[in-house]
Amino acid sequence: MCFSAPMKSKMTPNGGWGWMVVLGAAITNMTNQSIFSQFGLIFGEKLTEMGCGTGGAALVININSMITNFSGLVTGPILKHYSARKVTLLGIFLTASGML
């Protein structure tokens, strides 16, 4: 007599909606990046009225982008030791303290 183990169906996490989240994040990032790269052209006249050149605004935006992109080098190892929720709370705390 041969008994076979019951087959388990493979369920994707979150019902398979993970790729929709990735698509939404990609569209958001592409939209934001195009706005950031055109900031000096759109607000150049207003920046000149305020006494700030477009170079200063571009520098601030690009430093922000650089810090955001390099933060993955720090958050990757932290995520190996702590849960995603704790790392997110740390990021929220650091962002809020930076805004003060």
N, C-alpha and C. Protein backbone atom coordinates (compact mmCIF):
# COMPACT_ATOMS: atom_id res chain seq x y z
N MET A 1 0.83 -1.18 0.00
CA MET A 1 0.00 0.00 0.00
C MET A 1 0.88 1.25 0.00
N CYS A 2 0.53 2.19 -0.81
CA CYS A 2 1.34 3.40 -0.94
C CYS A 2 0.48 4.61 -0.59
N PHE A 3 0.96 5.36 0.36
CA PHE A 3 0.26 6.59 0.74
C PHE A 3 1.09 7.78 0.29
N SER A 4 0.44 8.73 -0.27
CA SER A 4 1.15 9.95 -0.66
C SER A 4 0.78 11.09 0.27
N ALA A 5 1.74 11.93 0.50
CA ALA A 5 1.51 13.08 1.37
C ALA A 5 0.60 14.06 0.65
N PRO A 6 -0.26 14.74 1.40
CA PRO A 6 -1.13 15.72 0.75
C PRO A 6 -0.30 16.85 0.14
N MET A 7 -0.69 17.28 -1.04
CA MET A 7 0.05 18.34 -1.72
C MET A 7 -0.34 19.69 -1.14
N LYS A 8 0.67 20.50 -0.94
CA LYS A 8 0.43 21.85 -0.44
C LYS A 8 0.44 22.81 -1.62
N SER A 9 -0.52 23.69 -1.65
CA SER A 9 -0.52 24.69 -2.72
C SER A 9 0.37 25.85 -2.29
N LYS A 10 1.13 26.36 -3.23
CA LYS A 10 2.04 27.46 -2.92
C LYS A 10 1.28 28.77 -3.06
N MET A 11 1.16 29.46 -1.96
CA MET A 11 0.51 30.77 -1.96
C MET A 11 1.59 31.84 -1.97
N THR A 12 1.39 32.83 -2.79
CA THR A 12 2.33 33.94 -2.80
C THR A 12 2.03 34.85 -1.62
N PRO A 13 3.06 35.48 -1.06
CA PRO A 13 2.80 36.40 0.04
C PRO A 13 1.91 37.56 -0.40
N ASN A 14 1.04 37.98 0.43
CA ASN A 14 0.13 39.11 0.17
C ASN A 14 -0.74 38.87 -1.05
N GLY A 15 -1.01 37.65 -1.38
CA GLY A 15 -1.91 37.35 -2.48
C GLY A 15 -1.36 37.67 -3.85
N GLY A 16 -0.06 37.86 -3.98
CA GLY A 16 0.53 38.14 -5.29
C GLY A 16 0.52 39.61 -5.68
N TRP A 17 0.21 40.49 -4.76
CA TRP A 17 0.15 41.92 -5.07
C TRP A 17 1.49 42.61 -4.93
N GLY A 18 2.54 41.88 -4.61
CA GLY A 18 3.87 42.48 -4.43
C GLY A 18 4.36 43.22 -5.66
N TRP A 19 4.11 42.65 -6.85
CA TRP A 19 4.57 43.30 -8.07
C TRP A 19 3.80 44.58 -8.36
N MET A 20 2.58 44.67 -7.90
CA MET A 20 1.83 45.93 -8.06
C MET A 20 2.44 47.03 -7.19
N VAL A 21 2.91 46.64 -6.01
CA VAL A 21 3.59 47.60 -5.13
C VAL A 21 4.89 48.06 -5.78
N VAL A 22 5.63 47.13 -6.37
CA VAL A 22 6.87 47.48 -7.06
C VAL A 22 6.59 48.40 -8.24
N LEU A 23 5.54 48.12 -9.00
CA LEU A 23 5.18 48.97 -10.13
C LEU A 23 4.80 50.37 -9.66
N GLY A 24 4.00 50.46 -8.60
CA GLY A 24 3.62 51.77 -8.07
C GLY A 24 4.82 52.56 -7.58
N ALA A 25 5.75 51.89 -6.90
CA ALA A 25 6.95 52.57 -6.42
C ALA A 25 7.81 53.04 -7.59
N ALA A 26 7.91 52.23 -8.64
CA ALA A 26 8.70 52.61 -9.81
C ALA A 26 8.10 53.83 -10.51
N ILE A 27 6.79 53.85 -10.67
CA ILE A 27 6.13 55.00 -11.31
C ILE A 27 6.31 56.25 -10.47
N THR A 28 6.17 56.12 -9.15
CA THR A 28 6.36 57.26 -8.26
C THR A 28 7.78 57.79 -8.35
N ASN A 29 8.77 56.91 -8.33
CA ASN A 29 10.16 57.35 -8.40
C ASN A 29 10.48 57.99 -9.74
N MET A 30 9.96 57.45 -10.84
CA MET A 30 10.21 58.05 -12.15
C MET A 30 9.58 59.44 -12.24
N THR A 31 8.38 59.59 -11.70
CA THR A 31 7.71 60.88 -11.74
C THR A 31 8.45 61.91 -10.90
N ASN A 32 8.83 61.52 -9.68
CA ASN A 32 9.55 62.44 -8.81
C ASN A 32 10.90 62.83 -9.39
N GLN A 33 11.61 61.88 -9.97
CA GLN A 33 12.93 62.17 -10.51
C GLN A 33 12.84 63.16 -11.67
N SER A 34 11.82 63.04 -12.50
CA SER A 34 11.69 63.98 -13.61
C SER A 34 11.38 65.39 -13.11
N ILE A 35 10.63 65.50 -12.03
CA ILE A 35 10.35 66.82 -11.46
C ILE A 35 11.61 67.40 -10.85
N PHE A 36 12.39 66.58 -10.13
CA PHE A 36 13.61 67.07 -9.50
C PHE A 36 14.62 67.58 -10.53
N SER A 37 14.74 66.88 -11.65
CA SER A 37 15.72 67.29 -12.64
C SER A 37 15.32 68.58 -13.37
N GLN A 38 14.05 68.93 -13.35
CA GLN A 38 13.57 70.15 -14.01
C GLN A 38 13.33 71.30 -13.05
N PHE A 39 13.69 71.13 -11.78
CA PHE A 39 13.38 72.12 -10.75
C PHE A 39 13.96 73.49 -11.09
N GLY A 40 15.22 73.53 -11.52
CA GLY A 40 15.86 74.81 -11.85
C GLY A 40 15.20 75.51 -13.03
N LEU A 41 14.73 74.74 -14.00
CA LEU A 41 14.06 75.34 -15.15
C LEU A 41 12.68 75.89 -14.78
N ILE A 42 11.97 75.15 -13.95
CA ILE A 42 10.61 75.56 -13.59
C ILE A 42 10.63 76.76 -12.66
N PHE A 43 11.49 76.71 -11.64
CA PHE A 43 11.49 77.76 -10.62
C PHE A 43 12.70 78.68 -10.69
N GLY A 44 13.41 78.70 -11.84
CA GLY A 44 14.61 79.51 -11.97
C GLY A 44 14.39 80.99 -11.71
N GLU A 45 13.32 81.55 -12.27
CA GLU A 45 13.03 82.97 -12.10
C GLU A 45 12.70 83.29 -10.64
N LYS A 46 11.92 82.44 -10.01
CA LYS A 46 11.54 82.65 -8.60
C LYS A 46 12.77 82.54 -7.70
N LEU A 47 13.66 81.59 -8.00
CA LEU A 47 14.88 81.45 -7.20
C LEU A 47 15.77 82.68 -7.34
N THR A 48 15.84 83.25 -8.54
CA THR A 48 16.63 84.46 -8.76
C THR A 48 16.05 85.63 -7.98
N GLU A 49 14.73 85.74 -7.92
CA GLU A 49 14.07 86.79 -7.14
C GLU A 49 14.40 86.66 -5.66
N MET A 50 14.53 85.43 -5.18
CA MET A 50 14.83 85.20 -3.76
C MET A 50 16.32 85.33 -3.46
N GLY A 51 17.13 85.56 -4.48
CA GLY A 51 18.56 85.73 -4.27
C GLY A 51 19.34 84.42 -4.23
N CYS A 52 18.74 83.39 -4.71
CA CYS A 52 19.39 82.07 -4.74
C CYS A 52 19.44 81.61 -6.19
N GLY A 53 20.60 81.16 -6.61
CA GLY A 53 20.73 80.68 -7.98
C GLY A 53 20.18 79.27 -8.13
N THR A 54 20.05 78.85 -9.37
CA THR A 54 19.56 77.50 -9.62
C THR A 54 20.58 76.45 -9.21
N GLY A 55 21.84 76.82 -9.17
CA GLY A 55 22.88 75.87 -8.75
C GLY A 55 22.73 75.46 -7.30
N GLY A 56 22.37 76.41 -6.44
CA GLY A 56 22.16 76.09 -5.02
C GLY A 56 20.99 75.14 -4.82
N ALA A 57 19.92 75.37 -5.55
CA ALA A 57 18.76 74.48 -5.44
C ALA A 57 19.09 73.09 -5.98
N ALA A 58 19.83 73.05 -7.09
CA ALA A 58 20.22 71.75 -7.65
C ALA A 58 21.14 70.99 -6.71
N LEU A 59 22.02 71.71 -6.03
CA LEU A 59 22.93 71.07 -5.08
C LEU A 59 22.17 70.42 -3.94
N VAL A 60 21.20 71.14 -3.38
CA VAL A 60 20.40 70.60 -2.28
C VAL A 60 19.63 69.36 -2.72
N ILE A 61 19.00 69.43 -3.88
CA ILE A 61 18.21 68.30 -4.38
C ILE A 61 19.10 67.09 -4.64
N ASN A 62 20.28 67.31 -5.23
CA ASN A 62 21.15 66.18 -5.54
C ASN A 62 21.80 65.58 -4.30
N ILE A 63 22.10 66.39 -3.30
CA ILE A 63 22.61 65.84 -2.04
C ILE A 63 21.53 64.99 -1.36
N ASN A 64 20.30 65.46 -1.40
CA ASN A 64 19.19 64.68 -0.84
C ASN A 64 19.06 63.35 -1.57
N SER A 65 19.15 63.36 -2.88
CA SER A 65 19.05 62.13 -3.67
C SER A 65 20.22 61.20 -3.36
N MET A 66 21.41 61.75 -3.20
CA MET A 66 22.58 60.94 -2.89
C MET A 66 22.43 60.25 -1.53
N ILE A 67 21.99 60.99 -0.53
CA ILE A 67 21.81 60.41 0.80
C ILE A 67 20.73 59.33 0.77
N THR A 68 19.66 59.58 0.05
CA THR A 68 18.59 58.58 -0.06
C THR A 68 19.10 57.30 -0.71
N ASN A 69 19.87 57.43 -1.78
CA ASN A 69 20.35 56.25 -2.49
C ASN A 69 21.42 55.49 -1.70
N PHE A 70 22.29 56.19 -1.00
CA PHE A 70 23.33 55.51 -0.23
C PHE A 70 22.83 54.98 1.10
N SER A 71 21.63 55.36 1.51
CA SER A 71 21.11 54.84 2.79
C SER A 71 20.85 53.34 2.73
N GLY A 72 20.71 52.80 1.53
CA GLY A 72 20.55 51.35 1.39
C GLY A 72 21.75 50.57 1.89
N LEU A 73 22.94 51.17 1.81
CA LEU A 73 24.13 50.51 2.31
C LEU A 73 24.09 50.36 3.83
N VAL A 74 23.37 51.25 4.49
CA VAL A 74 23.27 51.20 5.96
C VAL A 74 22.07 50.36 6.38
N THR A 75 20.95 50.53 5.70
CA THR A 75 19.74 49.83 6.12
C THR A 75 19.78 48.33 5.84
N GLY A 76 20.54 47.90 4.84
CA GLY A 76 20.64 46.47 4.54
C GLY A 76 21.16 45.66 5.71
N PRO A 77 22.33 46.01 6.26
CA PRO A 77 22.83 45.27 7.43
C PRO A 77 21.95 45.43 8.66
N ILE A 78 21.33 46.58 8.84
CA ILE A 78 20.44 46.77 9.99
C ILE A 78 19.24 45.84 9.89
N LEU A 79 18.72 45.66 8.67
CA LEU A 79 17.56 44.77 8.48
C LEU A 79 17.88 43.31 8.76
N LYS A 80 19.16 42.95 8.70
CA LYS A 80 19.52 41.57 9.03
C LYS A 80 19.44 41.30 10.53
N HIS A 81 19.53 42.37 11.33
CA HIS A 81 19.51 42.20 12.79
C HIS A 81 18.17 42.55 13.42
N TYR A 82 17.42 43.45 12.79
CA TYR A 82 16.16 43.91 13.36
C TYR A 82 15.04 43.70 12.35
N SER A 83 13.81 43.75 12.83
CA SER A 83 12.66 43.56 11.93
C SER A 83 12.45 44.81 11.08
N ALA A 84 11.72 44.64 9.99
CA ALA A 84 11.45 45.77 9.10
C ALA A 84 10.66 46.86 9.81
N ARG A 85 9.78 46.47 10.72
CA ARG A 85 8.98 47.44 11.46
C ARG A 85 9.87 48.32 12.34
N LYS A 86 10.84 47.72 13.02
CA LYS A 86 11.74 48.50 13.89
C LYS A 86 12.62 49.44 13.07
N VAL A 87 13.09 48.97 11.93
CA VAL A 87 13.93 49.81 11.08
C VAL A 87 13.10 50.96 10.51
N THR A 88 11.85 50.70 10.17
CA THR A 88 10.96 51.76 9.68
C THR A 88 10.72 52.80 10.76
N LEU A 89 10.48 52.35 11.98
CA LEU A 89 10.28 53.30 13.09
C LEU A 89 11.53 54.13 13.33
N LEU A 90 12.71 53.53 13.20
CA LEU A 90 13.95 54.29 13.33
C LEU A 90 14.04 55.34 12.23
N GLY A 91 13.69 54.97 11.00
CA GLY A 91 13.70 55.93 9.90
C GLY A 91 12.72 57.07 10.10
N ILE A 92 11.55 56.75 10.63
CA ILE A 92 10.56 57.79 10.92
C ILE A 92 11.09 58.75 11.97
N PHE A 93 11.70 58.19 13.01
CA PHE A 93 12.25 59.03 14.08
C PHE A 93 13.36 59.93 13.55
N LEU A 94 14.27 59.38 12.74
CA LEU A 94 15.36 60.19 12.20
C LEU A 94 14.85 61.27 11.25
N THR A 95 13.85 60.93 10.44
CA THR A 95 13.28 61.92 9.53
C THR A 95 12.60 63.05 10.29
N ALA A 96 11.81 62.68 11.31
CA ALA A 96 11.11 63.70 12.10
C ALA A 96 12.10 64.58 12.85
N SER A 97 13.16 63.99 13.40
CA SER A 97 14.14 64.81 14.12
C SER A 97 14.91 65.71 13.16
N GLY A 98 15.11 65.27 11.92
CA GLY A 98 15.77 66.10 10.93
C GLY A 98 14.92 67.27 10.48
N MET A 99 13.60 67.14 10.59
CA MET A 99 12.70 68.22 10.18
C MET A 99 12.55 69.29 11.25
N LEU A 100 12.98 68.99 12.46
CA LEU A 100 12.83 69.97 13.54
C LEU A 100 13.82 71.05 13.44
